Amino acid sequence: MKYYFSFIIPVYNRPDEIDELLSSMQKMEFEEEFEVVIVEDGSQQTSEEVIEKYGESLQISYYKKENTGPGDSRNYGMQKAKGDYFLILDSDCLLPKHYLREVTSAFDKDFVHCFGGPDAAHSSFSPLQKAINYSMTSLFTTGGIRGKNKSVGKFQPRSFNMGLSKEAFQKTNGFGRIHPGEDPDLAIRIWKAGYETRLFEKAFVYHKRRISFTKFYQQVHKFGLVRPILNTWHPETAKLVFWFPLLFCLALLCAIMLSAIGFYFAIIPFAIYFLVLTLDSTIKNRSLLVGLMSLPAVLIQFYGYGSGFINTTINVAWLKKDPEKAYPKLFFKK
């Protein structure tokens, strides 16, 4: 069966990223036509000149609108798109040559109305980007929730690499106004609408992540802030594993305090864990530098997520505050 795909890409002040993404699309090995829908979300630095470079080699639809956030921009793009299946990407991704072939191959085996693919670190990425990618995808850090592990409950596609049928989009009305967290919220509503989601392991993208530890902290802190809100909206999806980063940080703090007064055994399990992380990242990335940088990346991820998680757990889950009033910066206006 043939599918007409529409790539949906929101962008905000990142023309250089769009240039790299379109360049990777240009090199894809796929015979059928596909559409690229780029939605400029109120950018001051537009991608217009970049897009003109690819006008003859790619079928691009380009739209400008006021800033309403990535979720609403994706919805806008899907409403404008001509395809019957939408492939949603972040602007800071690159596509491997085989991406569309892997998607169609998976569809031919067993069609699904929503899928997600993993991300990987490209050889051109900096050591910091590779370290952050390891922290976000390793089995030793996220336990497979964000990586490739199929055994951790239902798979929740992430919007940096997500496929959605036109039918499922129309049934669910697409993404909500919360950000981040709009992608797991949509995945849960897709399940409630009677559709399945699936991981397409071979349909990966190269995802650059954040380019500094400060930006990475800000990102994972927001991830932690939104999770208790999603648990409140969809209590059936709450899991004990969401508490792990916070509990890890508290346990590490206790171990450091005990070691300071002579109980050195308390820090041994953490030292072993950190050693395993460093060795695993070094081997997988073939770089000792990346392995060493992965350790602070993991600590930043756990602390950032955990501190955000307990913040909204107290205010939203326990004190029953309205999420949008308590955390207006996590919601884009209607």
Foldseek 3Di string as FASTA:
>chain_A
DDWAEEEQEEDAQCLVLQLQAVVLVLLADDDDAYEYEYEDQQHPNDNVVSVVVCVVRHHYDYYYDYHQDDFVSSLVRLVPDPTQKYKFAYSQWHFHNCQVVLVVVVCVVPNFQKEAEAAAADPPADLLLLLLSCQQAPCLHLVRQRHPDPPPPAHQHDRNTMMHGSVLCVQQVTFAFFPPPRRSLSQVVSVVSPGGYYYSHVNYIHGRADDDLVVLLVRLLSVLQCPVVSCVVPVVPDDPSLQVLQVVVVQCVVQVVCVVVPPVVSCVVVVVSLVVQLVVSCVVSVHSSSSVSNSVSSNSNSVSNNVSNVVNCVVCVPVVDDCCVVCVVRGGDD
